[in-house]
Amino acid sequence: MRSLRHHAAMAIALISCLTMLTACSDPGPGGDGITNPPPSTPRVTSISIVPSQISIRTGERLIVTAELRDQNGNLMQGQSPGWTTSSTTVASVNPAGATATVTGIAPGAATIQATLGGVVGSAPLTVAPPFTAAPVARSSVLRLANTE
């Protein structure tokens, strides 16, 4: 009798141990339960504005892009940061998702920023005066003589 009870107790103990090991080793979706935890959800950890330095003239427009990267350095797609300028008298920013159109309003300096989830990327901006056409003096106009 004792032998049967002993074997039954050992079987129950073995089943209990296997059940506990199975429950403890289940990492959930994506992990292997031994050394690799499930992958973490990608989150923005850095923002770079391209180009990294912006130079335009008054009245000119330039499209800039925010490159958002996750904690593993991977480029993230489909994210739309908020866009701002440090000086609305120098430049305006018209956002369009991960890109924005920067327009020079007046000569000066400003900073363009893209922000998402508390992460900020910035690029310095210089707006130069507009090109002006040099006046043409009347005496510099050539007149062709009639050679007939």
C-alpha atoms as a PDB file:
ATOM      1  CA  MET A   1       0.000   0.000   0.000  1.00  0.00           C
ATOM      2  CA  ARG A   2       2.760   2.331   0.983  1.00  0.00           C
ATOM      3  CA  SER A   3       4.411   1.920  -2.401  1.00  0.00           C
ATOM      4  CA  LEU A   4       1.223   2.887  -4.259  1.00  0.00           C
ATOM      5  CA  ARG A   5       0.755   5.963  -2.074  1.00  0.00           C
ATOM      6  CA  HIS A   6       4.370   6.884  -2.512  1.00  0.00           C
ATOM      7  CA  HIS A   7       4.116   6.628  -6.328  1.00  0.00           C
ATOM      8  CA  ALA A   8       0.866   8.613  -6.363  1.00  0.00           C
ATOM      9  CA  ALA A   9       2.431  11.348  -4.216  1.00  0.00           C
ATOM     10  CA  MET A  10       5.488  11.462  -6.485  1.00  0.00           C
ATOM     11  CA  ALA A  11       3.271  11.707  -9.585  1.00  0.00           C
ATOM     12  CA  ILE A  12       1.268  14.561  -8.059  1.00  0.00           C
ATOM     13  CA  ALA A  13       4.479  16.366  -7.061  1.00  0.00           C
ATOM     14  CA  LEU A  14       5.912  15.915 -10.548  1.00  0.00           C
ATOM     15  CA  ILE A  15       2.728  17.224 -12.204  1.00  0.00           C
ATOM     16  CA  SER A  16       2.716  20.206  -9.844  1.00  0.00           C
ATOM     17  CA  CYS A  17       6.340  21.027 -10.664  1.00  0.00           C
ATOM     18  CA  LEU A  18       5.759  20.763 -14.396  1.00  0.00           C
ATOM     19  CA  THR A  19       2.679  22.983 -14.122  1.00  0.00           C
ATOM     20  CA  MET A  20       4.643  25.614 -12.194  1.00  0.00           C
ATOM     21  CA  LEU A  21       7.550  25.507 -14.629  1.00  0.00           C
ATOM     22  CA  THR A  22       5.222  25.926 -17.572  1.00  0.00           C
ATOM     23  CA  ALA A  23       3.431  28.853 -15.932  1.00  0.00           C
ATOM     24  CA  CYS A  24       6.674  30.561 -14.889  1.00  0.00           C
ATOM     25  CA  SER A  25       8.323  30.211 -18.268  1.00  0.00           C
ATOM     26  CA  ASP A  26       5.463  31.698 -20.315  1.00  0.00           C
ATOM     27  CA  PRO A  27       6.657  35.231 -21.185  1.00  0.00           C
ATOM     28  CA  GLY A  28       3.565  36.126 -23.148  1.00  0.00           C
ATOM     29  CA  PRO A  29       3.565  37.030 -26.823  1.00  0.00           C
ATOM     30  CA  GLY A  30       6.973  37.394 -28.452  1.00  0.00           C
ATOM     31  CA  GLY A  31       9.349  36.090 -25.731  1.00  0.00           C
ATOM     32  CA  ASP A  32      10.984  32.696 -25.459  1.00  0.00           C
ATOM     33  CA  GLY A  33      10.628  32.357 -21.659  1.00  0.00           C
ATOM     34  CA  ILE A  34      14.281  31.659 -21.009  1.00  0.00           C
ATOM     35  CA  THR A  35      16.475  34.667 -21.751  1.00  0.00           C
ATOM     36  CA  ASN A  36      14.574  36.892 -24.149  1.00  0.00           C
ATOM     37  CA  PRO A  37      11.694  38.968 -22.799  1.00  0.00           C
ATOM     38  CA  PRO A  38       8.931  40.003 -25.176  1.00  0.00           C
ATOM     39  CA  PRO A  39       9.903  42.971 -27.359  1.00  0.00           C
ATOM     40  CA  SER A  40       8.990  46.381 -25.977  1.00  0.00           C
ATOM     41  CA  THR A  41       6.632  48.672 -27.836  1.00  0.00           C
ATOM     42  CA  PRO A  42       8.576  51.117 -30.040  1.00  0.00           C
ATOM     43  CA  ARG A  43       8.538  54.677 -28.701  1.00  0.00           C
ATOM     44  CA  VAL A  44      10.090  57.878 -30.006  1.00  0.00           C
ATOM     45  CA  THR A  45      13.369  58.621 -28.233  1.00  0.00           C
ATOM     46  CA  SER A  46      14.996  61.049 -30.687  1.00  0.00           C
ATOM     47  CA  ILE A  47      13.969  63.536 -33.362  1.00  0.00           C
ATOM     48  CA  SER A  48      16.279  65.009 -36.005  1.00  0.00           C
ATOM     49  CA  ILE A  49      15.227  67.739 -38.415  1.00  0.00           C
ATOM     50  CA  VAL A  50      16.540  67.472 -41.976  1.00  0.00           C
ATOM     51  CA  PRO A  51      18.238  69.641 -43.044  1.00  0.00           C
ATOM     52  CA  SER A  52      19.899  70.167 -39.667  1.00  0.00           C
ATOM     53  CA  GLN A  53      20.657  73.842 -40.448  1.00  0.00           C
ATOM     54  CA  ILE A  54      18.200  75.907 -42.454  1.00  0.00           C
ATOM     55  CA  SER A  55      19.120  78.966 -44.537  1.00  0.00           C
ATOM     56  CA  ILE A  56      16.506  80.672 -46.685  1.00  0.00           C
ATOM     57  CA  ARG A  57      15.732  84.179 -47.933  1.00  0.00           C
ATOM     58  CA  THR A  58      12.718  86.301 -47.098  1.00  0.00           C
ATOM     59  CA  GLY A  59       9.802  84.998 -49.162  1.00  0.00           C
ATOM     60  CA  GLU A  60      11.407  81.618 -49.855  1.00  0.00           C
ATOM     61  CA  ARG A  61       9.927  78.296 -48.748  1.00  0.00           C
ATOM     62  CA  LEU A  62      11.682  75.078 -47.783  1.00  0.00           C
ATOM     63  CA  ILE A  63      10.238  71.680 -46.849  1.00  0.00           C
ATOM     64  CA  VAL A  64      11.885  70.140 -43.771  1.00  0.00           C
ATOM     65  CA  THR A  65      11.456  66.599 -42.445  1.00  0.00           C
ATOM     66  CA  ALA A  66      11.409  65.213 -38.906  1.00  0.00           C
ATOM     67  CA  GLU A  67      13.203  61.873 -38.608  1.00  0.00           C
ATOM     68  CA  LEU A  68      11.819  60.071 -35.557  1.00  0.00           C
ATOM     69  CA  ARG A  69      13.766  57.145 -34.107  1.00  0.00           C
ATOM     70  CA  ASP A  70      12.786  54.567 -31.476  1.00  0.00           C
ATOM     71  CA  GLN A  71      14.774  53.242 -28.504  1.00  0.00           C
ATOM     72  CA  ASN A  72      16.609  50.844 -30.844  1.00  0.00           C
ATOM     73  CA  GLY A  73      17.583  53.559 -33.334  1.00  0.00           C
ATOM     74  CA  ASN A  74      15.032  52.429 -35.909  1.00  0.00           C
ATOM     75  CA  LEU A  75      13.361  55.063 -38.100  1.00  0.00           C
ATOM     76  CA  MET A  76       9.658  55.320 -37.232  1.00  0.00           C
ATOM     77  CA  GLN A  77       7.012  55.966 -39.892  1.00  0.00           C
ATOM     78  CA  GLY A  78       3.464  57.281 -39.585  1.00  0.00           C
ATOM     79  CA  GLN A  79       4.139  59.672 -36.691  1.00  0.00           C
ATOM     80  CA  SER A  80       3.182  63.368 -36.844  1.00  0.00           C
ATOM     81  CA  PRO A  81       5.134  65.671 -34.538  1.00  0.00           C
ATOM     82  CA  GLY A  82       4.022  69.146 -33.579  1.00  0.00           C
ATOM     83  CA  TRP A  83       5.954  71.899 -35.375  1.00  0.00           C
ATOM     84  CA  THR A  84       6.891  75.349 -34.019  1.00  0.00           C
ATOM     85  CA  THR A  85       9.160  78.303 -34.701  1.00  0.00           C
ATOM     86  CA  SER A  86      10.835  80.317 -31.971  1.00  0.00           C
ATOM     87  CA  SER A  87      10.079  83.543 -33.852  1.00  0.00           C
ATOM     88  CA  THR A  88       6.890  84.005 -35.862  1.00  0.00           C
ATOM     89  CA  THR A  89       8.237  87.365 -37.083  1.00  0.00           C
ATOM     90  CA  VAL A  90      11.201  85.646 -38.773  1.00  0.00           C
ATOM     91  CA  ALA A  91       9.585  82.466 -40.151  1.00  0.00           C
ATOM     92  CA  SER A  92       6.326  80.557 -40.316  1.00  0.00           C
ATOM     93  CA  VAL A  93       5.889  76.787 -40.148  1.00  0.00           C
ATOM     94  CA  ASN A  94       3.088  74.981 -41.958  1.00  0.00           C
ATOM     95  CA  PRO A  95       2.956  71.346 -40.706  1.00  0.00           C
ATOM     96  CA  ALA A  96       2.059  68.382 -42.885  1.00  0.00           C
ATOM     97  CA  GLY A  97       2.701  65.250 -40.815  1.00  0.00           C
ATOM     98  CA  ALA A  98       6.398  64.402 -40.573  1.00  0.00           C
ATOM     99  CA  THR A  99       7.212  67.311 -42.894  1.00  0.00           C
ATOM    100  CA  ALA A 100       6.642  71.043 -42.636  1.00  0.00           C
ATOM    101  CA  THR A 101       7.020  74.010 -44.964  1.00  0.00           C
ATOM    102  CA  VAL A 102       9.168  76.785 -43.489  1.00  0.00           C
ATOM    103  CA  THR A 103       8.672  80.245 -45.010  1.00  0.00           C
ATOM    104  CA  GLY A 104      11.042  83.159 -44.472  1.00  0.00           C
ATOM    105  CA  ILE A 105       9.109  86.252 -43.332  1.00  0.00           C
ATOM    106  CA  ALA A 106      11.864  88.723 -42.369  1.00  0.00           C
ATOM    107  CA  PRO A 107      15.648  88.660 -41.978  1.00  0.00           C
ATOM    108  CA  GLY A 108      16.784  87.185 -38.683  1.00  0.00           C
ATOM    109  CA  ALA A 109      17.410  83.952 -36.773  1.00  0.00           C
ATOM    110  CA  ALA A 110      15.024  81.425 -35.212  1.00  0.00           C
ATOM    111  CA  THR A 111      14.822  77.790 -34.202  1.00  0.00           C
ATOM    112  CA  ILE A 112      12.468  75.279 -35.842  1.00  0.00           C
ATOM    113  CA  GLN A 113      11.265  72.518 -33.519  1.00  0.00           C
ATOM    114  CA  ALA A 114       9.454  69.195 -33.952  1.00  0.00           C
ATOM    115  CA  THR A 115       7.973  67.659 -30.778  1.00  0.00           C
ATOM    116  CA  LEU A 116       6.337  64.297 -30.075  1.00  0.00           C
ATOM    117  CA  GLY A 117       5.724  62.621 -26.723  1.00  0.00           C
ATOM    118  CA  GLY A 118       7.972  65.041 -24.865  1.00  0.00           C
ATOM    119  CA  VAL A 119      10.893  64.450 -27.259  1.00  0.00           C
ATOM    120  CA  VAL A 120      12.121  67.574 -29.085  1.00  0.00           C
ATOM    121  CA  GLY A 121      14.269  67.975 -32.182  1.00  0.00           C
ATOM    122  CA  SER A 122      15.436  71.382 -33.367  1.00  0.00           C
ATOM    123  CA  ALA A 123      17.310  73.065 -36.183  1.00  0.00           C
ATOM    124  CA  PRO A 124      18.668  76.601 -36.359  1.00  0.00           C
ATOM    125  CA  LEU A 125      17.173  78.832 -39.056  1.00  0.00           C
ATOM    126  CA  THR A 126      18.668  81.913 -40.702  1.00  0.00           C
ATOM    127  CA  VAL A 127      16.523  84.106 -42.922  1.00  0.00           C
ATOM    128  CA  ALA A 128      18.449  86.460 -45.210  1.00  0.00           C
ATOM    129  CA  PRO A 129      17.045  89.504 -47.022  1.00  0.00           C
ATOM    130  CA  PRO A 130      15.451  88.829 -50.406  1.00  0.00           C
ATOM    131  CA  PHE A 131      17.456  89.116 -53.613  1.00  0.00           C
ATOM    132  CA  THR A 132      17.077  92.474 -55.245  1.00  0.00           C
ATOM    133  CA  ALA A 133      17.647  93.100 -58.919  1.00  0.00           C
ATOM    134  CA  ALA A 134      20.455  95.476 -59.715  1.00  0.00           C
ATOM    135  CA  PRO A 135      19.199  98.564 -61.567  1.00  0.00           C
ATOM    136  CA  VAL A 136      20.134  98.733 -65.219  1.00  0.00           C
ATOM    137  CA  ALA A 137      21.565 102.055 -66.299  1.00  0.00           C
ATOM    138  CA  ARG A 138      20.130 103.527 -69.502  1.00  0.00           C
ATOM    139  CA  SER A 139      23.576 104.038 -70.944  1.00  0.00           C
ATOM    140  CA  SER A 140      24.295 100.322 -70.794  1.00  0.00           C
ATOM    141  CA  VAL A 141      21.580  99.443 -73.307  1.00  0.00           C
ATOM    142  CA  LEU A 142      23.069  98.645 -76.721  1.00  0.00           C
ATOM    143  CA  ARG A 143      21.547 100.182 -79.759  1.00  0.00           C
ATOM    144  CA  LEU A 144      22.059  98.470 -83.071  1.00  0.00           C
ATOM    145  CA  ALA A 145      22.772 100.735 -85.966  1.00  0.00           C
ATOM    146  CA  ASN A 146      20.953 100.299 -89.208  1.00  0.00           C
ATOM    147  CA  THR A 147      23.631  99.175 -91.669  1.00  0.00           C
ATOM    148  CA  GLU A 148      21.614  99.456 -94.871  1.00  0.00           C
END
